[in-house]
Amino acid sequence: MSRFRAACVQLRSGDDVAENIRDAAALIRDAAKDGAEFIATPENTTLMAPDGGAKLAQSFDEARDPALPVFRDQAKELGIWLLVGSLAIKVNQTKTANRSFLISPKGEVAARYSKIHLFDVDLPSGEKYRESNTVAGGGEAVVAGTPWGRIGLSVCYDIRFPRLYRQMAKMGAFAFTAPSAFTETTGKAHWHVLLRARAIENGAFMIAPAQG
């Protein structure tokens, strides 16, 4: 492993995909100007919709997604490794995948990872969340090679499941990406401590951009 500079892009994505792409691209360019060689964006980089149905209505399959070509071209232009935290990729008529993309300086997709652990919870307040109603979960851990070593990919709620990170560490990962869109409440209570826990127990670095 050699030294490199990583940047985490913080967004406040909304439901205007084109605007979100422009905002992310501008911040990626700023980070590259500051010397970042590895730049990561948060979960739901191009779309934070009010509900799963609204997200599905504005999603595309991977071949037609409007953001991916933009980010691939930008990675090639800037000569950077770019981790697009996640895009909503339509996999059928009723569900998307919450998919993270690692793009090389050649503008090629070096790895893709679909979030395995979906946010299905019942809170004491009576609130219920069922990400699985509109999102298809992934099925395998993904570790990708970079010039600095192997990096494991994860997304948001995955951070609560240590076995995934142990598996990626055994696959040779010296660092993990964990793009997220934690809420203010859960972010304050859990996000930082979970990131530290995953780093400590695996002797690894965490690169964790988040929505603001």
C-alpha atoms as a PDB file:
ATOM      1  CA  MET A   1       0.000   0.000   0.000  1.00  0.00           C
ATOM      2  CA  SER A   2       1.250   3.478  -0.876  1.00  0.00           C
ATOM      3  CA  ARG A   3       0.036   6.914   0.127  1.00  0.00           C
ATOM      4  CA  PHE A   4      -2.806   8.595  -1.705  1.00  0.00           C
ATOM      5  CA  ARG A   5      -5.229  11.444  -1.090  1.00  0.00           C
ATOM      6  CA  ALA A   6      -8.933  10.624  -0.843  1.00  0.00           C
ATOM      7  CA  ALA A   7     -11.850  13.059  -0.860  1.00  0.00           C
ATOM      8  CA  CYS A   8     -15.406  12.593   0.368  1.00  0.00           C
ATOM      9  CA  VAL A   9     -18.019  14.673  -1.451  1.00  0.00           C
ATOM     10  CA  GLN A  10     -20.972  15.719   0.693  1.00  0.00           C
ATOM     11  CA  LEU A  11     -24.223  16.415  -1.147  1.00  0.00           C
ATOM     12  CA  ARG A  12     -27.775  17.382  -0.329  1.00  0.00           C
ATOM     13  CA  SER A  13     -29.342  15.593  -3.268  1.00  0.00           C
ATOM     14  CA  GLY A  14     -32.973  16.217  -4.146  1.00  0.00           C
ATOM     15  CA  ASP A  15     -35.350  14.855  -6.752  1.00  0.00           C
ATOM     16  CA  ASP A  16     -33.890  16.749  -9.752  1.00  0.00           C
ATOM     17  CA  VAL A  17     -31.507  14.230 -11.301  1.00  0.00           C
ATOM     18  CA  ALA A  18     -29.870  16.662 -13.725  1.00  0.00           C
ATOM     19  CA  GLU A  19     -29.206  19.203 -10.970  1.00  0.00           C
ATOM     20  CA  ASN A  20     -27.769  16.535  -8.692  1.00  0.00           C
ATOM     21  CA  ILE A  21     -25.416  15.377 -11.449  1.00  0.00           C
ATOM     22  CA  ARG A  22     -24.205  18.945 -12.008  1.00  0.00           C
ATOM     23  CA  ASP A  23     -23.667  19.535  -8.284  1.00  0.00           C
ATOM     24  CA  ALA A  24     -21.754  16.286  -7.812  1.00  0.00           C
ATOM     25  CA  ALA A  25     -19.619  16.856 -10.909  1.00  0.00           C
ATOM     26  CA  ALA A  26     -18.654  20.356  -9.728  1.00  0.00           C
ATOM     27  CA  LEU A  27     -17.560  19.114  -6.302  1.00  0.00           C
ATOM     28  CA  ILE A  28     -15.667  16.180  -7.835  1.00  0.00           C
ATOM     29  CA  ARG A  29     -13.777  18.664 -10.006  1.00  0.00           C
ATOM     30  CA  ASP A  30     -12.979  20.819  -6.959  1.00  0.00           C
ATOM     31  CA  ALA A  31     -11.650  17.784  -5.081  1.00  0.00           C
ATOM     32  CA  ALA A  32      -9.453  16.797  -8.015  1.00  0.00           C
ATOM     33  CA  LYS A  33      -8.043  20.344  -8.159  1.00  0.00           C
ATOM     34  CA  ASP A  34      -7.122  19.964  -4.484  1.00  0.00           C
ATOM     35  CA  GLY A  35      -5.092  16.862  -5.317  1.00  0.00           C
ATOM     36  CA  ALA A  36      -7.503  14.032  -4.542  1.00  0.00           C
ATOM     37  CA  GLU A  37      -6.720  10.850  -6.448  1.00  0.00           C
ATOM     38  CA  PHE A  38      -9.647   8.852  -5.056  1.00  0.00           C
ATOM     39  CA  ILE A  39     -12.967  10.695  -4.800  1.00  0.00           C
ATOM     40  CA  ALA A  40     -16.189   9.269  -3.355  1.00  0.00           C
ATOM     41  CA  THR A  41     -19.766  10.548  -3.448  1.00  0.00           C
ATOM     42  CA  PRO A  42     -22.622   9.558  -1.077  1.00  0.00           C
ATOM     43  CA  GLU A  43     -25.436   7.065  -1.341  1.00  0.00           C
ATOM     44  CA  ASN A  44     -28.244   8.239  -3.645  1.00  0.00           C
ATOM     45  CA  THR A  45     -25.870  10.621  -5.420  1.00  0.00           C
ATOM     46  CA  THR A  46     -28.296  11.595  -8.166  1.00  0.00           C
ATOM     47  CA  LEU A  47     -31.701  11.067  -6.570  1.00  0.00           C
ATOM     48  CA  MET A  48     -33.184  11.458  -3.093  1.00  0.00           C
ATOM     49  CA  ALA A  49     -36.861  10.841  -3.806  1.00  0.00           C
ATOM     50  CA  PRO A  50     -39.683  11.216  -1.252  1.00  0.00           C
ATOM     51  CA  ASP A  51     -40.583   7.520  -1.544  1.00  0.00           C
ATOM     52  CA  GLY A  52     -39.728   4.321  -3.379  1.00  0.00           C
ATOM     53  CA  GLY A  53     -42.375   4.843  -6.041  1.00  0.00           C
ATOM     54  CA  ALA A  54     -41.046   8.285  -6.925  1.00  0.00           C
ATOM     55  CA  LYS A  55     -37.528   6.890  -7.120  1.00  0.00           C
ATOM     56  CA  LEU A  56     -38.627   4.063  -9.409  1.00  0.00           C
ATOM     57  CA  ALA A  57     -40.369   6.522 -11.731  1.00  0.00           C
ATOM     58  CA  GLN A  58     -37.113   8.448 -12.256  1.00  0.00           C
ATOM     59  CA  SER A  59     -34.783   5.448 -12.521  1.00  0.00           C
ATOM     60  CA  PHE A  60     -33.270   3.697 -15.528  1.00  0.00           C
ATOM     61  CA  ASP A  61     -31.502   0.446 -16.210  1.00  0.00           C
ATOM     62  CA  GLU A  62     -27.722   0.660 -16.141  1.00  0.00           C
ATOM     63  CA  ALA A  63     -27.351   1.014 -19.913  1.00  0.00           C
ATOM     64  CA  ARG A  64     -29.621   4.085 -20.005  1.00  0.00           C
ATOM     65  CA  ASP A  65     -28.761   5.766 -16.713  1.00  0.00           C
ATOM     66  CA  PRO A  66     -27.923   9.433 -17.477  1.00  0.00           C
ATOM     67  CA  ALA A  67     -25.370   9.844 -14.697  1.00  0.00           C
ATOM     68  CA  LEU A  68     -23.003   6.976 -15.375  1.00  0.00           C
ATOM     69  CA  PRO A  69     -21.615   8.289 -18.710  1.00  0.00           C
ATOM     70  CA  VAL A  70     -21.062  11.716 -17.146  1.00  0.00           C
ATOM     71  CA  PHE A  71     -19.100  10.312 -14.230  1.00  0.00           C
ATOM     72  CA  ARG A  72     -17.144   7.906 -16.438  1.00  0.00           C
ATOM     73  CA  ASP A  73     -16.093  10.769 -18.705  1.00  0.00           C
ATOM     74  CA  GLN A  74     -15.155  12.899 -15.710  1.00  0.00           C
ATOM     75  CA  ALA A  75     -13.011  10.195 -14.126  1.00  0.00           C
ATOM     76  CA  LYS A  76     -11.142   9.813 -17.422  1.00  0.00           C
ATOM     77  CA  GLU A  77     -10.751  13.568 -17.919  1.00  0.00           C
ATOM     78  CA  LEU A  78      -9.450  14.165 -14.395  1.00  0.00           C
ATOM     79  CA  GLY A  79      -7.415  10.947 -14.187  1.00  0.00           C
ATOM     80  CA  ILE A  80      -8.988   9.891 -10.888  1.00  0.00           C
ATOM     81  CA  TRP A  81     -10.537   6.870  -9.250  1.00  0.00           C
ATOM     82  CA  LEU A  82     -14.180   7.778  -8.669  1.00  0.00           C
ATOM     83  CA  LEU A  83     -16.542   5.933  -6.345  1.00  0.00           C
ATOM     84  CA  VAL A  84     -20.119   6.883  -7.229  1.00  0.00           C
ATOM     85  CA  GLY A  85     -21.690   6.131  -3.861  1.00  0.00           C
ATOM     86  CA  SER A  86     -24.889   4.728  -5.301  1.00  0.00           C
ATOM     87  CA  LEU A  87     -27.349   5.163  -8.129  1.00  0.00           C
ATOM     88  CA  ALA A  88     -30.882   3.800  -8.316  1.00  0.00           C
ATOM     89  CA  ILE A  89     -30.588   1.289 -11.146  1.00  0.00           C
ATOM     90  CA  LYS A  90     -33.864  -0.198 -12.365  1.00  0.00           C
ATOM     91  CA  VAL A  91     -33.654  -4.001 -12.432  1.00  0.00           C
ATOM     92  CA  ASN A  92     -37.327  -4.725 -13.203  1.00  0.00           C
ATOM     93  CA  GLN A  93     -40.672  -2.941 -13.345  1.00  0.00           C
ATOM     94  CA  THR A  94     -41.106  -2.808  -9.573  1.00  0.00           C
ATOM     95  CA  LYS A  95     -37.595  -2.541  -8.107  1.00  0.00           C
ATOM     96  CA  THR A  96     -34.259  -0.790  -8.361  1.00  0.00           C
ATOM     97  CA  ALA A  97     -30.837  -1.831  -7.124  1.00  0.00           C
ATOM     98  CA  ASN A  98     -29.016   0.531  -4.762  1.00  0.00           C
ATOM     99  CA  ARG A  99     -25.773   0.209  -6.715  1.00  0.00           C
ATOM    100  CA  SER A 100     -22.313   1.628  -6.107  1.00  0.00           C
ATOM    101  CA  PHE A 101     -19.834   2.056  -8.979  1.00  0.00           C
ATOM    102  CA  LEU A 102     -16.041   2.264  -8.845  1.00  0.00           C
ATOM    103  CA  ILE A 103     -14.730   3.981 -11.968  1.00  0.00           C
ATOM    104  CA  SER A 104     -11.066   3.877 -13.006  1.00  0.00           C
ATOM    105  CA  PRO A 105      -8.995   6.743 -14.482  1.00  0.00           C
ATOM    106  CA  LYS A 106      -9.621   5.131 -17.867  1.00  0.00           C
ATOM    107  CA  GLY A 107     -13.333   5.852 -17.452  1.00  0.00           C
ATOM    108  CA  GLU A 108     -14.138   2.169 -17.078  1.00  0.00           C
ATOM    109  CA  VAL A 109     -16.376   0.610 -14.435  1.00  0.00           C
ATOM    110  CA  ALA A 110     -13.818  -1.309 -12.397  1.00  0.00           C
ATOM    111  CA  ALA A 111     -16.403  -2.714  -9.954  1.00  0.00           C
ATOM    112  CA  ARG A 112     -20.092  -2.497  -9.151  1.00  0.00           C
ATOM    113  CA  TYR A 113     -21.759  -3.455  -5.884  1.00  0.00           C
ATOM    114  CA  SER A 114     -25.466  -3.665  -5.076  1.00  0.00           C
ATOM    115  CA  LYS A 115     -26.337  -2.989  -1.424  1.00  0.00           C
ATOM    116  CA  ILE A 116     -26.940  -6.298   0.337  1.00  0.00           C
ATOM    117  CA  HIS A 117     -28.534  -5.245   3.634  1.00  0.00           C
ATOM    118  CA  LEU A 118     -31.727  -3.301   3.043  1.00  0.00           C
ATOM    119  CA  PHE A 119     -33.237  -0.908   5.565  1.00  0.00           C
ATOM    120  CA  ASP A 120     -36.240  -2.866   6.834  1.00  0.00           C
ATOM    121  CA  VAL A 121     -36.964  -1.782  10.412  1.00  0.00           C
ATOM    122  CA  ASP A 122     -39.798  -1.230  12.887  1.00  0.00           C
ATOM    123  CA  LEU A 123     -39.082   1.589  15.325  1.00  0.00           C
ATOM    124  CA  PRO A 124     -40.498   1.901  18.867  1.00  0.00           C
ATOM    125  CA  SER A 125     -42.241   5.089  17.740  1.00  0.00           C
ATOM    126  CA  GLY A 126     -44.352   3.034  15.349  1.00  0.00           C
ATOM    127  CA  GLU A 127     -42.482   4.164  12.248  1.00  0.00           C
ATOM    128  CA  LYS A 128     -41.800   1.424   9.715  1.00  0.00           C
ATOM    129  CA  TYR A 129     -39.293   1.383   6.871  1.00  0.00           C
ATOM    130  CA  ARG A 130     -39.247  -1.239   4.121  1.00  0.00           C
ATOM    131  CA  GLU A 131     -36.515  -0.539   1.601  1.00  0.00           C
ATOM    132  CA  SER A 132     -37.028  -4.063   0.264  1.00  0.00           C
ATOM    133  CA  ASN A 133     -40.480  -3.111  -1.056  1.00  0.00           C
ATOM    134  CA  THR A 134     -38.881  -1.219  -3.926  1.00  0.00           C
ATOM    135  CA  VAL A 135     -35.193  -2.242  -3.823  1.00  0.00           C
ATOM    136  CA  ALA A 136     -33.663  -5.574  -4.811  1.00  0.00           C
ATOM    137  CA  GLY A 137     -30.768  -6.513  -2.535  1.00  0.00           C
ATOM    138  CA  GLY A 138     -27.392  -7.624  -3.815  1.00  0.00           C
ATOM    139  CA  GLY A 139     -25.987 -11.060  -3.189  1.00  0.00           C
ATOM    140  CA  GLU A 140     -22.204 -10.881  -2.914  1.00  0.00           C
ATOM    141  CA  ALA A 141     -19.312  -8.971  -1.379  1.00  0.00           C
ATOM    142  CA  VAL A 142     -17.192  -6.983  -3.828  1.00  0.00           C
ATOM    143  CA  VAL A 143     -13.516  -6.089  -3.498  1.00  0.00           C
ATOM    144  CA  ALA A 144     -11.713  -4.197  -6.270  1.00  0.00           C
ATOM    145  CA  GLY A 145      -8.047  -3.704  -7.071  1.00  0.00           C
ATOM    146  CA  THR A 146      -6.566  -0.189  -7.171  1.00  0.00           C
ATOM    147  CA  PRO A 147      -2.968   1.055  -7.479  1.00  0.00           C
ATOM    148  CA  TRP A 148      -2.844   1.326  -3.674  1.00  0.00           C
ATOM    149  CA  GLY A 149      -4.368  -2.033  -2.784  1.00  0.00           C
ATOM    150  CA  ARG A 150      -7.742  -3.733  -2.663  1.00  0.00           C
ATOM    151  CA  ILE A 151     -10.811  -1.767  -1.565  1.00  0.00           C
ATOM    152  CA  GLY A 152     -14.116  -3.283  -0.404  1.00  0.00           C
ATOM    153  CA  LEU A 153     -17.432  -1.715  -1.387  1.00  0.00           C
ATOM    154  CA  SER A 154     -20.481  -1.285   0.847  1.00  0.00           C
ATOM    155  CA  VAL A 155     -23.466   1.063   1.148  1.00  0.00           C
ATOM    156  CA  CYS A 156     -25.037   2.722   4.206  1.00  0.00           C
ATOM    157  CA  TYR A 157     -27.037   0.168   6.251  1.00  0.00           C
ATOM    158  CA  ASP A 158     -24.410  -2.479   5.450  1.00  0.00           C
ATOM    159  CA  ILE A 159     -22.282  -0.778   8.117  1.00  0.00           C
ATOM    160  CA  ARG A 160     -24.361  -2.499  10.832  1.00  0.00           C
ATOM    161  CA  PHE A 161     -23.298  -5.976   9.664  1.00  0.00           C
ATOM    162  CA  PRO A 162     -19.663  -6.685  10.629  1.00  0.00           C
ATOM    163  CA  ARG A 163     -19.436 -10.047   8.880  1.00  0.00           C
ATOM    164  CA  LEU A 164     -19.562  -8.355   5.483  1.00  0.00           C
ATOM    165  CA  TYR A 165     -16.463  -6.302   6.322  1.00  0.00           C
ATOM    166  CA  ARG A 166     -14.664  -9.285   7.816  1.00  0.00           C
ATOM    167  CA  GLN A 167     -15.328 -11.166   4.579  1.00  0.00           C
ATOM    168  CA  MET A 168     -13.922  -8.293   2.510  1.00  0.00           C
ATOM    169  CA  ALA A 169     -10.890  -8.024   4.789  1.00  0.00           C
ATOM    170  CA  LYS A 170     -10.219 -11.724   4.231  1.00  0.00           C
ATOM    171  CA  MET A 171     -10.458 -10.981   0.490  1.00  0.00           C
ATOM    172  CA  GLY A 172      -7.551  -8.582   0.925  1.00  0.00           C
ATOM    173  CA  ALA A 173      -9.238  -5.207   1.429  1.00  0.00           C
ATOM    174  CA  PHE A 174      -7.152  -2.608   3.285  1.00  0.00           C
ATOM    175  CA  ALA A 175      -9.952  -0.020   3.048  1.00  0.00           C
ATOM    176  CA  PHE A 176     -13.741   0.045   2.740  1.00  0.00           C
ATOM    177  CA  THR A 177     -16.099   2.540   1.156  1.00  0.00           C
ATOM    178  CA  ALA A 178     -19.377   3.220   2.954  1.00  0.00           C
ATOM    179  CA  PRO A 179     -21.359   5.926   1.146  1.00  0.00           C
ATOM    180  CA  SER A 180     -24.428   6.755   3.208  1.00  0.00           C
ATOM    181  CA  ALA A 181     -27.628   8.733   3.633  1.00  0.00           C
ATOM    182  CA  PHE A 182     -28.153   8.307   7.375  1.00  0.00           C
ATOM    183  CA  THR A 183     -30.815  10.466   8.990  1.00  0.00           C
ATOM    184  CA  GLU A 184     -29.826  13.167  11.474  1.00  0.00           C
ATOM    185  CA  THR A 185     -31.046  11.060  14.412  1.00  0.00           C
ATOM    186  CA  THR A 186     -29.356   7.799  13.455  1.00  0.00           C
ATOM    187  CA  GLY A 187     -26.308   9.634  12.192  1.00  0.00           C
ATOM    188  CA  LYS A 188     -25.637  11.239  15.562  1.00  0.00           C
ATOM    189  CA  ALA A 189     -26.351   8.046  17.463  1.00  0.00           C
ATOM    190  CA  HIS A 190     -24.710   5.404  15.317  1.00  0.00           C
ATOM    191  CA  TRP A 191     -22.895   6.372  12.125  1.00  0.00           C
ATOM    192  CA  HIS A 192     -19.502   7.514  13.375  1.00  0.00           C
ATOM    193  CA  VAL A 193     -19.197   4.834  16.045  1.00  0.00           C
ATOM    194  CA  LEU A 194     -20.066   2.098  13.544  1.00  0.00           C
ATOM    195  CA  LEU A 195     -17.494   3.420  11.075  1.00  0.00           C
ATOM    196  CA  ARG A 196     -14.861   3.378  13.788  1.00  0.00           C
ATOM    197  CA  ALA A 197     -15.868  -0.119  14.850  1.00  0.00           C
ATOM    198  CA  ARG A 198     -15.547  -1.537  11.335  1.00  0.00           C
ATOM    199  CA  ALA A 199     -12.162   0.158  10.944  1.00  0.00           C
ATOM    200  CA  ILE A 200     -10.792  -1.033  14.293  1.00  0.00           C
ATOM    201  CA  GLU A 201     -11.913  -4.649  14.097  1.00  0.00           C
ATOM    202  CA  ASN A 202     -10.452  -5.073  10.592  1.00  0.00           C
ATOM    203  CA  GLY A 203      -7.389  -2.849  10.872  1.00  0.00           C
ATOM    204  CA  ALA A 204      -8.666  -0.996   7.822  1.00  0.00           C
ATOM    205  CA  PHE A 205      -9.516   2.509   6.640  1.00  0.00           C
ATOM    206  CA  MET A 206     -13.070   3.738   6.042  1.00  0.00           C
ATOM    207  CA  ILE A 207     -13.917   6.154   3.226  1.00  0.00           C
ATOM    208  CA  ALA A 208     -17.441   7.271   4.026  1.00  0.00           C
ATOM    209  CA  PRO A 209     -19.104  10.190   2.187  1.00  0.00           C
ATOM    210  CA  ALA A 210     -22.617  11.084   3.333  1.00  0.00           C
ATOM    211  CA  GLN A 211     -25.631  13.126   2.407  1.00  0.00           C
ATOM    212  CA  GLY A 212     -25.990  16.316   4.466  1.00  0.00           C
END
